[in-house]
């Protein structure tokens, strides 16, 4: 997730003004912020696992899921869903090969 950068604007120079920089703070832009972060878990083999994180920001942040640095995609046994600010990764049946460090 990459935060938005506040644009820089320079007003026109007139005889009454000297060159200067003005920074506009757009109230409709908020950098992404994690309200709920991922939590470490141990689960029995063969059980369903749901990992959740809540991310807010304006514009709405694009969230991607990773396991050991490799980006995950929707597959028959892995679902990536989001409802509003809640982003979830669901593994229908977790096995030893699913063990790893997950991030969003």
C-alpha atoms as a PDB file:
ATOM      1  CA  UNK A   1       0.000   0.000   0.000  1.00  0.00           C
ATOM      2  CA  UNK A   2       1.504   3.278  -1.044  1.00  0.00           C
ATOM      3  CA  UNK A   3       0.356   6.524   0.572  1.00  0.00           C
ATOM      4  CA  UNK A   4      -0.705   9.367  -1.653  1.00  0.00           C
ATOM      5  CA  UNK A   5       1.702  12.316  -1.858  1.00  0.00           C
ATOM      6  CA  UNK A   6       0.306  15.791  -1.269  1.00  0.00           C
ATOM      7  CA  UNK A   7       0.688  17.803  -4.485  1.00  0.00           C
ATOM      8  CA  UNK A   8       2.834  20.926  -4.481  1.00  0.00           C
ATOM      9  CA  UNK A   9       1.557  24.057  -6.230  1.00  0.00           C
ATOM     10  CA  UNK A  10       3.322  27.339  -6.952  1.00  0.00           C
ATOM     11  CA  UNK A  11       1.211  30.497  -7.315  1.00  0.00           C
ATOM     12  CA  UNK A  12       1.764  32.861 -10.222  1.00  0.00           C
ATOM     13  CA  UNK A  13       4.383  35.541  -9.636  1.00  0.00           C
ATOM     14  CA  UNK A  14       3.204  39.135  -9.879  1.00  0.00           C
ATOM     15  CA  UNK A  15       5.059  42.378  -9.104  1.00  0.00           C
ATOM     16  CA  UNK A  16       3.384  42.395  -5.680  1.00  0.00           C
ATOM     17  CA  UNK A  17       4.467  38.841  -4.773  1.00  0.00           C
ATOM     18  CA  UNK A  18       7.762  37.063  -4.653  1.00  0.00           C
ATOM     19  CA  UNK A  19       8.191  33.431  -5.738  1.00  0.00           C
ATOM     20  CA  UNK A  20       7.038  31.068  -3.022  1.00  0.00           C
ATOM     21  CA  UNK A  21       5.751  27.528  -2.606  1.00  0.00           C
ATOM     22  CA  UNK A  22       2.323  26.763  -1.255  1.00  0.00           C
ATOM     23  CA  UNK A  23       1.299  23.325  -0.054  1.00  0.00           C
ATOM     24  CA  UNK A  24      -2.338  22.340  -0.386  1.00  0.00           C
ATOM     25  CA  UNK A  25      -3.687  19.900   2.168  1.00  0.00           C
ATOM     26  CA  UNK A  26      -6.487  18.072   0.354  1.00  0.00           C
ATOM     27  CA  UNK A  27      -9.063  17.083   3.002  1.00  0.00           C
ATOM     28  CA  UNK A  28     -10.246  14.312   0.668  1.00  0.00           C
ATOM     29  CA  UNK A  29      -6.884  12.496   0.795  1.00  0.00           C
ATOM     30  CA  UNK A  30      -5.843  10.350   3.772  1.00  0.00           C
ATOM     31  CA  UNK A  31      -2.863   7.987   3.639  1.00  0.00           C
ATOM     32  CA  UNK A  32      -3.684   4.319   4.305  1.00  0.00           C
ATOM     33  CA  UNK A  33      -3.849   3.306   7.943  1.00  0.00           C
ATOM     34  CA  UNK A  34      -4.233  -0.167   9.477  1.00  0.00           C
ATOM     35  CA  UNK A  35      -7.034  -0.143  12.044  1.00  0.00           C
ATOM     36  CA  UNK A  36      -6.765  -3.909  12.648  1.00  0.00           C
ATOM     37  CA  UNK A  37      -3.511  -5.681  11.876  1.00  0.00           C
ATOM     38  CA  UNK A  38      -2.969  -9.388  11.270  1.00  0.00           C
ATOM     39  CA  UNK A  39      -2.512 -11.570  14.345  1.00  0.00           C
ATOM     40  CA  UNK A  40      -0.275 -14.612  14.655  1.00  0.00           C
ATOM     41  CA  UNK A  41      -2.274 -17.856  14.909  1.00  0.00           C
ATOM     42  CA  UNK A  42      -1.816 -21.588  15.180  1.00  0.00           C
ATOM     43  CA  UNK A  43      -4.614 -23.774  13.884  1.00  0.00           C
ATOM     44  CA  UNK A  44      -5.196 -27.528  13.532  1.00  0.00           C
ATOM     45  CA  UNK A  45      -4.573 -29.071  10.091  1.00  0.00           C
ATOM     46  CA  UNK A  46      -7.589 -29.299   7.816  1.00  0.00           C
ATOM     47  CA  UNK A  47      -9.482 -26.417   9.421  1.00  0.00           C
ATOM     48  CA  UNK A  48     -10.762 -23.225   7.796  1.00  0.00           C
ATOM     49  CA  UNK A  49      -8.698 -20.108   8.463  1.00  0.00           C
ATOM     50  CA  UNK A  50      -9.764 -16.492   8.024  1.00  0.00           C
ATOM     51  CA  UNK A  51      -7.187 -13.717   8.312  1.00  0.00           C
ATOM     52  CA  UNK A  52      -8.618 -10.207   8.586  1.00  0.00           C
ATOM     53  CA  UNK A  53      -7.195  -6.725   8.433  1.00  0.00           C
ATOM     54  CA  UNK A  54      -8.993  -3.396   8.411  1.00  0.00           C
ATOM     55  CA  UNK A  55      -7.437  -0.646   6.311  1.00  0.00           C
ATOM     56  CA  UNK A  56      -8.805   2.874   5.841  1.00  0.00           C
ATOM     57  CA  UNK A  57      -7.716   5.695   3.572  1.00  0.00           C
ATOM     58  CA  UNK A  58      -8.909   8.102   0.915  1.00  0.00           C
ATOM     59  CA  UNK A  59      -8.901   7.124  -1.853  1.00  0.00           C
ATOM     60  CA  UNK A  60      -9.744   3.569  -0.790  1.00  0.00           C
ATOM     61  CA  UNK A  61      -6.471   1.625  -0.523  1.00  0.00           C
ATOM     62  CA  UNK A  62      -5.861  -1.367  -2.763  1.00  0.00           C
ATOM     63  CA  UNK A  63      -4.950  -4.306  -0.527  1.00  0.00           C
ATOM     64  CA  UNK A  64      -2.965  -7.330  -1.689  1.00  0.00           C
ATOM     65  CA  UNK A  65      -2.202 -10.506   0.240  1.00  0.00           C
ATOM     66  CA  UNK A  66       1.187 -12.221   0.442  1.00  0.00           C
ATOM     67  CA  UNK A  67       2.613 -15.415   1.922  1.00  0.00           C
ATOM     68  CA  UNK A  68       6.383 -15.343   2.469  1.00  0.00           C
ATOM     69  CA  UNK A  69       6.577 -12.377   0.077  1.00  0.00           C
ATOM     70  CA  UNK A  70       4.705 -14.124  -2.771  1.00  0.00           C
ATOM     71  CA  UNK A  71       1.473 -12.436  -3.871  1.00  0.00           C
ATOM     72  CA  UNK A  72      -1.615 -14.613  -3.414  1.00  0.00           C
ATOM     73  CA  UNK A  73      -4.541 -14.881  -5.816  1.00  0.00           C
ATOM     74  CA  UNK A  74      -8.062 -16.247  -5.598  1.00  0.00           C
ATOM     75  CA  UNK A  75      -7.875 -20.022  -6.040  1.00  0.00           C
ATOM     76  CA  UNK A  76     -10.353 -22.823  -5.324  1.00  0.00           C
ATOM     77  CA  UNK A  77      -8.939 -23.217  -1.777  1.00  0.00           C
ATOM     78  CA  UNK A  78      -8.038 -19.521  -1.196  1.00  0.00           C
ATOM     79  CA  UNK A  79     -10.527 -16.652  -1.247  1.00  0.00           C
ATOM     80  CA  UNK A  80      -9.590 -12.986  -1.097  1.00  0.00           C
ATOM     81  CA  UNK A  81     -12.563 -10.806  -0.248  1.00  0.00           C
ATOM     82  CA  UNK A  82     -13.300  -7.349   1.095  1.00  0.00           C
ATOM     83  CA  UNK A  83     -16.360  -5.627   2.448  1.00  0.00           C
ATOM     84  CA  UNK A  84     -15.855  -1.923   3.007  1.00  0.00           C
ATOM     85  CA  UNK A  85     -12.605  -1.535   4.972  1.00  0.00           C
ATOM     86  CA  UNK A  86     -12.457  -5.193   6.052  1.00  0.00           C
ATOM     87  CA  UNK A  87     -10.086  -7.289   3.926  1.00  0.00           C
ATOM     88  CA  UNK A  88     -10.021 -11.062   4.423  1.00  0.00           C
ATOM     89  CA  UNK A  89      -7.989 -14.015   3.257  1.00  0.00           C
ATOM     90  CA  UNK A  90      -9.826 -17.321   3.683  1.00  0.00           C
ATOM     91  CA  UNK A  91      -8.096 -20.693   3.367  1.00  0.00           C
ATOM     92  CA  UNK A  92     -10.797 -23.358   3.171  1.00  0.00           C
ATOM     93  CA  UNK A  93      -8.580 -26.149   4.554  1.00  0.00           C
ATOM     94  CA  UNK A  94      -5.195 -25.224   5.976  1.00  0.00           C
ATOM     95  CA  UNK A  95      -2.398 -27.772   5.850  1.00  0.00           C
ATOM     96  CA  UNK A  96       1.295 -27.735   6.736  1.00  0.00           C
ATOM     97  CA  UNK A  97       2.218 -26.395   3.281  1.00  0.00           C
ATOM     98  CA  UNK A  98       0.087 -23.306   4.065  1.00  0.00           C
ATOM     99  CA  UNK A  99       2.348 -22.460   7.013  1.00  0.00           C
ATOM    100  CA  UNK A 100       4.132 -19.154   6.552  1.00  0.00           C
ATOM    101  CA  UNK A 101       4.257 -15.441   7.197  1.00  0.00           C
ATOM    102  CA  UNK A 102       1.162 -13.807   5.727  1.00  0.00           C
ATOM    103  CA  UNK A 103       0.901 -10.087   5.125  1.00  0.00           C
ATOM    104  CA  UNK A 104      -1.463  -7.629   3.539  1.00  0.00           C
END
